[in-house]
Amino acid sequence: MAISREKLLKVMEPEYLSEEESDLDEIGNSFFKVRRFRWQRDTFRELKDHLEEVHRDQLTPQHQGQLKKREVMERFSSRGAPEDCPKFVRRK
């Protein structure tokens, strides 16, 4: 299924992006705990992951080193889908 750039840009807003919470590991390094949404389609989640990877790869090594690590949690976010959530984003 091809999705237009315009439709994709409309859903790259905070209410469609995973919840993140800062935490510290055992040695005091800061990282993000990421909770995904149960209501999002796997294909949309994979697309977001791919776009994030492309963005990270385009950063300079200096900026890549400044990124916080992210740990995807097994527990899903409790936040529900936006009311106007498009079908290509939301599970049935």
PDB file of N, CA and C in Angstrom:
ATOM      1  N   MET A   1       0.845  -1.175   0.000  1.00  0.00           N
ATOM      2  CA  MET A   1       0.000   0.000   0.000  1.00  0.00           C
ATOM      3  C   MET A   1       0.891   1.238   0.000  1.00  0.00           C
ATOM      4  N   ALA A   2       0.742   2.072  -0.992  1.00  0.00           N
ATOM      5  CA  ALA A   2       1.513   3.315  -1.082  1.00  0.00           C
ATOM      6  C   ALA A   2       0.792   4.412  -0.309  1.00  0.00           C
ATOM      7  N   ILE A   3       1.549   5.150   0.459  1.00  0.00           N
ATOM      8  CA  ILE A   3       0.994   6.235   1.275  1.00  0.00           C
ATOM      9  C   ILE A   3       1.634   7.533   0.816  1.00  0.00           C
ATOM     10  N   SER A   4       0.820   8.525   0.566  1.00  0.00           N
ATOM     11  CA  SER A   4       1.355   9.800   0.092  1.00  0.00           C
ATOM     12  C   SER A   4       2.166  10.473   1.194  1.00  0.00           C
ATOM     13  N   ARG A   5       3.079  11.282   0.752  1.00  0.00           N
ATOM     14  CA  ARG A   5       3.918  12.052   1.687  1.00  0.00           C
ATOM     15  C   ARG A   5       3.049  12.938   2.584  1.00  0.00           C
ATOM     16  N   GLU A   6       2.007  13.513   1.991  1.00  0.00           N
ATOM     17  CA  GLU A   6       1.105  14.395   2.736  1.00  0.00           C
ATOM     18  C   GLU A   6       0.418  13.638   3.879  1.00  0.00           C
ATOM     19  N   LYS A   7      -0.091  12.427   3.604  1.00  0.00           N
ATOM     20  CA  LYS A   7      -0.747  11.627   4.634  1.00  0.00           C
ATOM     21  C   LYS A   7       0.236  11.221   5.725  1.00  0.00           C
ATOM     22  N   LEU A   8       1.440  10.874   5.310  1.00  0.00           N
ATOM     23  CA  LEU A   8       2.456  10.454   6.269  1.00  0.00           C
ATOM     24  C   LEU A   8       2.855  11.608   7.189  1.00  0.00           C
ATOM     25  N   LEU A   9       3.032  12.789   6.636  1.00  0.00           N
ATOM     26  CA  LEU A   9       3.408  13.945   7.451  1.00  0.00           C
ATOM     27  C   LEU A   9       2.339  14.282   8.493  1.00  0.00           C
ATOM     28  N   LYS A  10       1.075  14.030   8.177  1.00  0.00           N
ATOM     29  CA  LYS A  10      -0.008  14.322   9.118  1.00  0.00           C
ATOM     30  C   LYS A  10       0.057  13.434  10.358  1.00  0.00           C
ATOM     31  N   VAL A  11       0.648  12.239  10.220  1.00  0.00           N
ATOM     32  CA  VAL A  11       0.695  11.329  11.361  1.00  0.00           C
ATOM     33  C   VAL A  11       2.068  11.286  12.031  1.00  0.00           C
ATOM     34  N   MET A  12       2.954  12.150  11.655  1.00  0.00           N
ATOM     35  CA  MET A  12       4.249  12.249  12.330  1.00  0.00           C
ATOM     36  C   MET A  12       4.174  13.343  13.391  1.00  0.00           C
ATOM     37  N   GLU A  13       3.134  13.270  14.164  1.00  0.00           N
ATOM     38  CA  GLU A  13       2.859  14.202  15.255  1.00  0.00           C
ATOM     39  C   GLU A  13       2.978  13.437  16.568  1.00  0.00           C
ATOM     40  N   PRO A  14       3.178  14.132  17.679  1.00  0.00           N
ATOM     41  CA  PRO A  14       3.392  13.464  18.972  1.00  0.00           C
ATOM     42  C   PRO A  14       2.346  12.417  19.355  1.00  0.00           C
ATOM     43  N   GLU A  15       1.072  12.643  19.009  1.00  0.00           N
ATOM     44  CA  GLU A  15       0.052  11.675  19.425  1.00  0.00           C
ATOM     45  C   GLU A  15       0.171  10.322  18.715  1.00  0.00           C
ATOM     46  N   TYR A  16       0.990  10.256  17.665  1.00  0.00           N
ATOM     47  CA  TYR A  16       1.208   8.994  16.941  1.00  0.00           C
ATOM     48  C   TYR A  16       2.573   8.385  17.236  1.00  0.00           C
ATOM     49  N   LEU A  17       3.418   9.109  17.931  1.00  0.00           N
ATOM     50  CA  LEU A  17       4.770   8.632  18.222  1.00  0.00           C
ATOM     51  C   LEU A  17       4.789   7.952  19.584  1.00  0.00           C
ATOM     52  N   SER A  18       5.649   6.992  19.755  1.00  0.00           N
ATOM     53  CA  SER A  18       5.727   6.207  20.989  1.00  0.00           C
ATOM     54  C   SER A  18       5.968   7.097  22.198  1.00  0.00           C
ATOM     55  N   GLU A  19       5.484   6.639  23.351  1.00  0.00           N
ATOM     56  CA  GLU A  19       5.754   7.350  24.597  1.00  0.00           C
ATOM     57  C   GLU A  19       7.175   7.068  25.030  1.00  0.00           C
ATOM     58  N   GLU A  20       7.877   8.090  25.481  1.00  0.00           N
ATOM     59  CA  GLU A  20       9.249   7.936  25.957  1.00  0.00           C
ATOM     60  C   GLU A  20       9.369   8.555  27.338  1.00  0.00           C
ATOM     61  N   GLU A  21      10.172   7.909  28.158  1.00  0.00           N
ATOM     62  CA  GLU A  21      10.399   8.379  29.522  1.00  0.00           C
ATOM     63  C   GLU A  21      11.889   8.234  29.809  1.00  0.00           C
ATOM     64  N   SER A  22      12.511   9.275  30.334  1.00  0.00           N
ATOM     65  CA  SER A  22      13.938   9.217  30.657  1.00  0.00           C
ATOM     66  C   SER A  22      14.172   8.367  31.899  1.00  0.00           C
ATOM     67  N   ASP A  23      15.306   7.672  31.913  1.00  0.00           N
ATOM     68  CA  ASP A  23      15.699   6.860  33.061  1.00  0.00           C
ATOM     69  C   ASP A  23      17.221   6.800  33.083  1.00  0.00           C
ATOM     70  N   LEU A  24      17.769   6.268  34.159  1.00  0.00           N
ATOM     71  CA  LEU A  24      19.218   6.090  34.276  1.00  0.00           C
ATOM     72  C   LEU A  24      19.528   4.610  34.404  1.00  0.00           C
ATOM     73  N   ASP A  25      20.618   4.175  33.740  1.00  0.00           N
ATOM     74  CA  ASP A  25      21.038   2.780  33.889  1.00  0.00           C
ATOM     75  C   ASP A  25      21.868   2.626  35.160  1.00  0.00           C
ATOM     76  N   GLU A  26      22.423   1.421  35.368  1.00  0.00           N
ATOM     77  CA  GLU A  26      23.157   1.104  36.602  1.00  0.00           C
ATOM     78  C   GLU A  26      24.351   2.023  36.857  1.00  0.00           C
ATOM     79  N   ILE A  27      24.953   2.537  35.767  1.00  0.00           N
ATOM     80  CA  ILE A  27      26.150   3.373  35.949  1.00  0.00           C
ATOM     81  C   ILE A  27      25.869   4.866  35.760  1.00  0.00           C
ATOM     82  N   GLY A  28      24.569   5.215  35.707  1.00  0.00           N
ATOM     83  CA  GLY A  28      24.206   6.625  35.663  1.00  0.00           C
ATOM     84  C   GLY A  28      24.036   7.238  34.290  1.00  0.00           C
ATOM     85  N   ASN A  29      24.092   6.431  33.225  1.00  0.00           N
ATOM     86  CA  ASN A  29      23.867   6.956  31.878  1.00  0.00           C
ATOM     87  C   ASN A  29      22.376   7.089  31.616  1.00  0.00           C
ATOM     88  N   SER A  30      21.999   8.209  31.034  1.00  0.00           N
ATOM     89  CA  SER A  30      20.610   8.475  30.730  1.00  0.00           C
ATOM     90  C   SER A  30      20.188   7.727  29.461  1.00  0.00           C
ATOM     91  N   PHE A  31      18.962   7.194  29.463  1.00  0.00           N
ATOM     92  CA  PHE A  31      18.409   6.541  28.276  1.00  0.00           C
ATOM     93  C   PHE A  31      16.892   6.714  28.291  1.00  0.00           C
ATOM     94  N   PHE A  32      16.254   6.388  27.167  1.00  0.00           N
ATOM     95  CA  PHE A  32      14.803   6.482  27.059  1.00  0.00           C
ATOM     96  C   PHE A  32      14.174   5.110  27.157  1.00  0.00           C
ATOM     97  N   LYS A  33      13.122   5.003  27.980  1.00  0.00           N
ATOM     98  CA  LYS A  33      12.255   3.827  27.984  1.00  0.00           C
ATOM     99  C   LYS A  33      11.138   4.147  26.986  1.00  0.00           C
ATOM    100  N   VAL A  34      10.939   3.272  26.032  1.00  0.00           N
ATOM    101  CA  VAL A  34       9.956   3.510  24.967  1.00  0.00           C
ATOM    102  C   VAL A  34       8.802   2.531  25.107  1.00  0.00           C
ATOM    103  N   ARG A  35       7.591   3.061  25.117  1.00  0.00           N
ATOM    104  CA  ARG A  35       6.394   2.214  25.129  1.00  0.00           C
ATOM    105  C   ARG A  35       5.639   2.450  23.831  1.00  0.00           C
ATOM    106  N   ARG A  36       5.436   1.380  23.100  1.00  0.00           N
ATOM    107  CA  ARG A  36       4.714   1.471  21.833  1.00  0.00           C
ATOM    108  C   ARG A  36       3.211   1.411  22.082  1.00  0.00           C
ATOM    109  N   PHE A  37       2.441   1.642  21.024  1.00  0.00           N
ATOM    110  CA  PHE A  37       0.984   1.627  21.119  1.00  0.00           C
ATOM    111  C   PHE A  37       0.426   0.316  20.581  1.00  0.00           C
ATOM    112  N   ARG A  38      -0.418  -0.303  21.365  1.00  0.00           N
ATOM    113  CA  ARG A  38      -1.054  -1.560  20.952  1.00  0.00           C
ATOM    114  C   ARG A  38      -1.922  -1.356  19.703  1.00  0.00           C
ATOM    115  N   TRP A  39      -2.480  -0.166  19.531  1.00  0.00           N
ATOM    116  CA  TRP A  39      -3.414   0.105  18.445  1.00  0.00           C
ATOM    117  C   TRP A  39      -2.741   0.387  17.109  1.00  0.00           C
ATOM    118  N   GLN A  40      -1.419   0.537  17.079  1.00  0.00           N
ATOM    119  CA  GLN A  40      -0.749   0.839  15.811  1.00  0.00           C
ATOM    120  C   GLN A  40      -0.453  -0.428  15.021  1.00  0.00           C
ATOM    121  N   ARG A  41      -0.640  -0.334  13.732  1.00  0.00           N
ATOM    122  CA  ARG A  41      -0.307  -1.441  12.832  1.00  0.00           C
ATOM    123  C   ARG A  41       1.199  -1.675  12.844  1.00  0.00           C
ATOM    124  N   ASP A  42       1.588  -2.926  12.672  1.00  0.00           N
ATOM    125  CA  ASP A  42       3.011  -3.267  12.618  1.00  0.00           C
ATOM    126  C   ASP A  42       3.704  -2.564  11.454  1.00  0.00           C
ATOM    127  N   THR A  43       3.019  -2.460  10.317  1.00  0.00           N
ATOM    128  CA  THR A  43       3.637  -1.822   9.149  1.00  0.00           C
ATOM    129  C   THR A  43       3.942  -0.352   9.421  1.00  0.00           C
ATOM    130  N   PHE A  44       3.068   0.335  10.158  1.00  0.00           N
ATOM    131  CA  PHE A  44       3.320   1.738  10.487  1.00  0.00           C
ATOM    132  C   PHE A  44       4.482   1.849  11.475  1.00  0.00           C
ATOM    133  N   ARG A  45       4.514   0.977  12.466  1.00  0.00           N
ATOM    134  CA  ARG A  45       5.617   0.975  13.436  1.00  0.00           C
ATOM    135  C   ARG A  45       6.946   0.712  12.721  1.00  0.00           C
ATOM    136  N   GLU A  46       6.959  -0.240  11.799  1.00  0.00           N
ATOM    137  CA  GLU A  46       8.179  -0.551  11.056  1.00  0.00           C
ATOM    138  C   GLU A  46       8.616   0.631  10.199  1.00  0.00           C
ATOM    139  N   LEU A  47       7.664   1.347   9.616  1.00  0.00           N
ATOM    140  CA  LEU A  47       7.977   2.535   8.825  1.00  0.00           C
ATOM    141  C   LEU A  47       8.617   3.605   9.707  1.00  0.00           C
ATOM    142  N   LYS A  48       8.045   3.848  10.890  1.00  0.00           N
ATOM    143  CA  LYS A  48       8.626   4.836  11.818  1.00  0.00           C
ATOM    144  C   LYS A  48      10.040   4.430  12.225  1.00  0.00           C
ATOM    145  N   ASP A  49      10.235   3.140  12.513  1.00  0.00           N
ATOM    146  CA  ASP A  49      11.567   2.650  12.891  1.00  0.00           C
ATOM    147  C   ASP A  49      12.562   2.874  11.759  1.00  0.00           C
ATOM    148  N   HIS A  50      12.119   2.618  10.530  1.00  0.00           N
ATOM    149  CA  HIS A  50      13.003   2.806   9.365  1.00  0.00           C
ATOM    150  C   HIS A  50      13.369   4.283   9.201  1.00  0.00           C
ATOM    151  N   LEU A  51      12.383   5.165   9.319  1.00  0.00           N
ATOM    152  CA  LEU A  51      12.654   6.601   9.182  1.00  0.00           C
ATOM    153  C   LEU A  51      13.619   7.082  10.267  1.00  0.00           C
ATOM    154  N   GLU A  52      13.466   6.563  11.470  1.00  0.00           N
ATOM    155  CA  GLU A  52      14.378   6.936  12.553  1.00  0.00           C
ATOM    156  C   GLU A  52      15.800   6.464  12.251  1.00  0.00           C
ATOM    157  N   GLU A  53      15.919   5.260  11.716  1.00  0.00           N
ATOM    158  CA  GLU A  53      17.235   4.719  11.366  1.00  0.00           C
ATOM    159  C   GLU A  53      17.896   5.543  10.265  1.00  0.00           C
ATOM    160  N   VAL A  54      17.125   5.920   9.243  1.00  0.00           N
ATOM    161  CA  VAL A  54      17.653   6.751   8.157  1.00  0.00           C
ATOM    162  C   VAL A  54      18.124   8.085   8.710  1.00  0.00           C
ATOM    163  N   HIS A  55      17.328   8.688   9.576  1.00  0.00           N
ATOM    164  CA  HIS A  55      17.710   9.967  10.186  1.00  0.00           C
ATOM    165  C   HIS A  55      19.009   9.821  10.978  1.00  0.00           C
ATOM    166  N   ARG A  56      19.094   8.785  11.793  1.00  0.00           N
ATOM    167  CA  ARG A  56      20.288   8.561  12.613  1.00  0.00           C
ATOM    168  C   ARG A  56      21.526   8.369  11.736  1.00  0.00           C
ATOM    169  N   ASP A  57      21.376   7.633  10.639  1.00  0.00           N
ATOM    170  CA  ASP A  57      22.506   7.378   9.742  1.00  0.00           C
ATOM    171  C   ASP A  57      22.993   8.639   9.037  1.00  0.00           C
ATOM    172  N   GLN A  58      22.136   9.635   8.915  1.00  0.00           N
ATOM    173  CA  GLN A  58      22.510  10.879   8.242  1.00  0.00           C
ATOM    174  C   GLN A  58      23.180  11.884   9.185  1.00  0.00           C
ATOM    175  N   LEU A  59      23.162  11.602  10.466  1.00  0.00           N
ATOM    176  CA  LEU A  59      23.806  12.489  11.434  1.00  0.00           C
ATOM    177  C   LEU A  59      25.326  12.325  11.382  1.00  0.00           C
ATOM    178  N   THR A  60      26.025  13.361  11.762  1.00  0.00           N
ATOM    179  CA  THR A  60      27.478  13.258  11.851  1.00  0.00           C
ATOM    180  C   THR A  60      27.825  12.315  13.004  1.00  0.00           C
ATOM    181  N   PRO A  61      29.006  11.713  12.991  1.00  0.00           N
ATOM    182  CA  PRO A  61      29.403  10.844  14.107  1.00  0.00           C
ATOM    183  C   PRO A  61      29.310  11.551  15.463  1.00  0.00           C
ATOM    184  N   GLN A  62      29.635  12.838  15.487  1.00  0.00           N
ATOM    185  CA  GLN A  62      29.556  13.601  16.741  1.00  0.00           C
ATOM    186  C   GLN A  62      28.113  13.632  17.252  1.00  0.00           C
ATOM    187  N   HIS A  63      27.159  13.909  16.367  1.00  0.00           N
ATOM    188  CA  HIS A  63      25.760  13.963  16.780  1.00  0.00           C
ATOM    189  C   HIS A  63      25.210  12.573  17.093  1.00  0.00           C
ATOM    190  N   GLN A  64      25.661  11.560  16.373  1.00  0.00           N
ATOM    191  CA  GLN A  64      25.230  10.196  16.672  1.00  0.00           C
ATOM    192  C   GLN A  64      25.628   9.809  18.089  1.00  0.00           C
ATOM    193  N   GLY A  65      26.821  10.232  18.497  1.00  0.00           N
ATOM    194  CA  GLY A  65      27.305   9.929  19.838  1.00  0.00           C
ATOM    195  C   GLY A  65      26.521  10.623  20.936  1.00  0.00           C
ATOM    196  N   GLN A  66      25.813  11.685  20.589  1.00  0.00           N
ATOM    197  CA  GLN A  66      25.035  12.434  21.580  1.00  0.00           C
ATOM    198  C   GLN A  66      23.616  11.889  21.765  1.00  0.00           C
ATOM    199  N   LEU A  67      23.209  10.975  20.883  1.00  0.00           N
ATOM    200  CA  LEU A  67      21.864  10.412  20.996  1.00  0.00           C
ATOM    201  C   LEU A  67      21.752   9.522  22.224  1.00  0.00           C
ATOM    202  N   LYS A  68      20.626   9.621  22.900  1.00  0.00           N
ATOM    203  CA  LYS A  68      20.383   8.730  24.038  1.00  0.00           C
ATOM    204  C   LYS A  68      19.971   7.358  23.509  1.00  0.00           C
ATOM    205  N   LYS A  69      20.396   6.330  24.227  1.00  0.00           N
ATOM    206  CA  LYS A  69      19.966   4.982  23.879  1.00  0.00           C
ATOM    207  C   LYS A  69      18.481   4.862  24.169  1.00  0.00           C
ATOM    208  N   ARG A  70      17.828   3.956  23.430  1.00  0.00           N
ATOM    209  CA  ARG A  70      16.399   3.724  23.599  1.00  0.00           C
ATOM    210  C   ARG A  70      16.175   2.248  23.885  1.00  0.00           C
ATOM    211  N   GLU A  71      15.351   1.963  24.873  1.00  0.00           N
ATOM    212  CA  GLU A  71      15.010   0.588  25.212  1.00  0.00           C
ATOM    213  C   GLU A  71      13.499   0.435  25.056  1.00  0.00           C
ATOM    214  N   VAL A  72      13.086  -0.421  24.110  1.00  0.00           N
ATOM    215  CA  VAL A  72      11.662  -0.642  23.886  1.00  0.00           C
ATOM    216  C   VAL A  72      11.153  -1.587  24.971  1.00  0.00           C
ATOM    217  N   MET A  73      10.150  -1.137  25.691  1.00  0.00           N
ATOM    218  CA  MET A  73       9.579  -1.900  26.795  1.00  0.00           C
ATOM    219  C   MET A  73       8.561  -2.906  26.259  1.00  0.00           C
ATOM    220  N   GLU A  74       8.388  -4.003  26.978  1.00  0.00           N
ATOM    221  CA  GLU A  74       7.394  -5.005  26.583  1.00  0.00           C
ATOM    222  C   GLU A  74       5.976  -4.496  26.826  1.00  0.00           C
ATOM    223  N   ARG A  75       5.818  -3.698  27.857  1.00  0.00           N
ATOM    224  CA  ARG A  75       4.499  -3.165  28.207  1.00  0.00           C
ATOM    225  C   ARG A  75       4.123  -2.049  27.234  1.00  0.00           C
ATOM    226  N   PHE A  76       2.887  -2.107  26.734  1.00  0.00           N
ATOM    227  CA  PHE A  76       2.411  -1.082  25.813  1.00  0.00           C
ATOM    228  C   PHE A  76       1.964   0.168  26.573  1.00  0.00           C
ATOM    229  N   SER A  77       1.927   1.275  25.859  1.00  0.00           N
ATOM    230  CA  SER A  77       1.389   2.512  26.402  1.00  0.00           C
ATOM    231  C   SER A  77      -0.116   2.342  26.607  1.00  0.00           C
ATOM    232  N   SER A  78      -0.653   3.018  27.594  1.00  0.00           N
ATOM    233  CA  SER A  78      -2.091   2.968  27.839  1.00  0.00           C
ATOM    234  C   SER A  78      -2.835   4.046  27.048  1.00  0.00           C
ATOM    235  N   ARG A  79      -2.099   4.905  26.380  1.00  0.00           N
ATOM    236  CA  ARG A  79      -2.723   5.990  25.611  1.00  0.00           C
ATOM    237  C   ARG A  79      -3.462   5.432  24.403  1.00  0.00           C
ATOM    238  N   GLY A  80      -4.677   5.874  24.214  1.00  0.00           N
ATOM    239  CA  GLY A  80      -5.499   5.415  23.100  1.00  0.00           C
ATOM    240  C   GLY A  80      -5.178   6.143  21.801  1.00  0.00           C
ATOM    241  N   ALA A  81      -5.757   5.643  20.737  1.00  0.00           N
ATOM    242  CA  ALA A  81      -5.561   6.233  19.411  1.00  0.00           C
ATOM    243  C   ALA A  81      -6.318   7.563  19.300  1.00  0.00           C
ATOM    244  N   PRO A  82      -5.770   8.503  18.543  1.00  0.00           N
ATOM    245  CA  PRO A  82      -6.500   9.751  18.295  1.00  0.00           C
ATOM    246  C   PRO A  82      -7.826   9.441  17.585  1.00  0.00           C
ATOM    247  N   GLU A  83      -8.828  10.262  17.809  1.00  0.00           N
ATOM    248  CA  GLU A  83     -10.142  10.023  17.217  1.00  0.00           C
ATOM    249  C   GLU A  83     -10.104   9.972  15.692  1.00  0.00           C
ATOM    250  N   ASP A  84      -9.282  10.802  15.088  1.00  0.00           N
ATOM    251  CA  ASP A  84      -9.227  10.863  13.621  1.00  0.00           C
ATOM    252  C   ASP A  84      -8.098  10.009  13.044  1.00  0.00           C
ATOM    253  N   CYS A  85      -7.706   8.976  13.761  1.00  0.00           N
ATOM    254  CA  CYS A  85      -6.588   8.118  13.358  1.00  0.00           C
ATOM    255  C   CYS A  85      -6.891   7.435  12.011  1.00  0.00           C
ATOM    256  N   PRO A  86      -6.020   7.614  11.014  1.00  0.00           N
ATOM    257  CA  PRO A  86      -6.248   7.002   9.699  1.00  0.00           C
ATOM    258  C   PRO A  86      -6.172   5.472   9.759  1.00  0.00           C
ATOM    259  N   LYS A  87      -6.846   4.833   8.824  1.00  0.00           N
ATOM    260  CA  LYS A  87      -6.896   3.375   8.774  1.00  0.00           C
ATOM    261  C   LYS A  87      -5.518   2.760   8.541  1.00  0.00           C
ATOM    262  N   PHE A  88      -4.638   3.454   7.804  1.00  0.00           N
ATOM    263  CA  PHE A  88      -3.332   2.856   7.521  1.00  0.00           C
ATOM    264  C   PHE A  88      -2.428   2.844   8.757  1.00  0.00           C
ATOM    265  N   VAL A  89      -2.832   3.520   9.818  1.00  0.00           N
ATOM    266  CA  VAL A  89      -2.061   3.575  11.055  1.00  0.00           C
ATOM    267  C   VAL A  89      -2.622   2.616  12.104  1.00  0.00           C
ATOM    268  N   ARG A  90      -3.918   2.506  12.153  1.00  0.00           N
ATOM    269  CA  ARG A  90      -4.596   1.806  13.244  1.00  0.00           C
ATOM    270  C   ARG A  90      -4.950   0.351  12.903  1.00  0.00           C
ATOM    271  N   ARG A  91      -4.728  -0.512  13.901  1.00  0.00           N
ATOM    272  CA  ARG A  91      -5.163  -1.916  13.765  1.00  0.00           C
ATOM    273  C   ARG A  91      -6.683  -1.954  13.728  1.00  0.00           C
ATOM    274  N   LYS A  92      -7.190  -3.012  13.160  1.00  0.00           N
ATOM    275  CA  LYS A  92      -8.658  -3.183  13.114  1.00  0.00           C
ATOM    276  C   LYS A  92      -9.175  -3.675  14.434  1.00  0.00           C
TER     277      LYS A  92
END
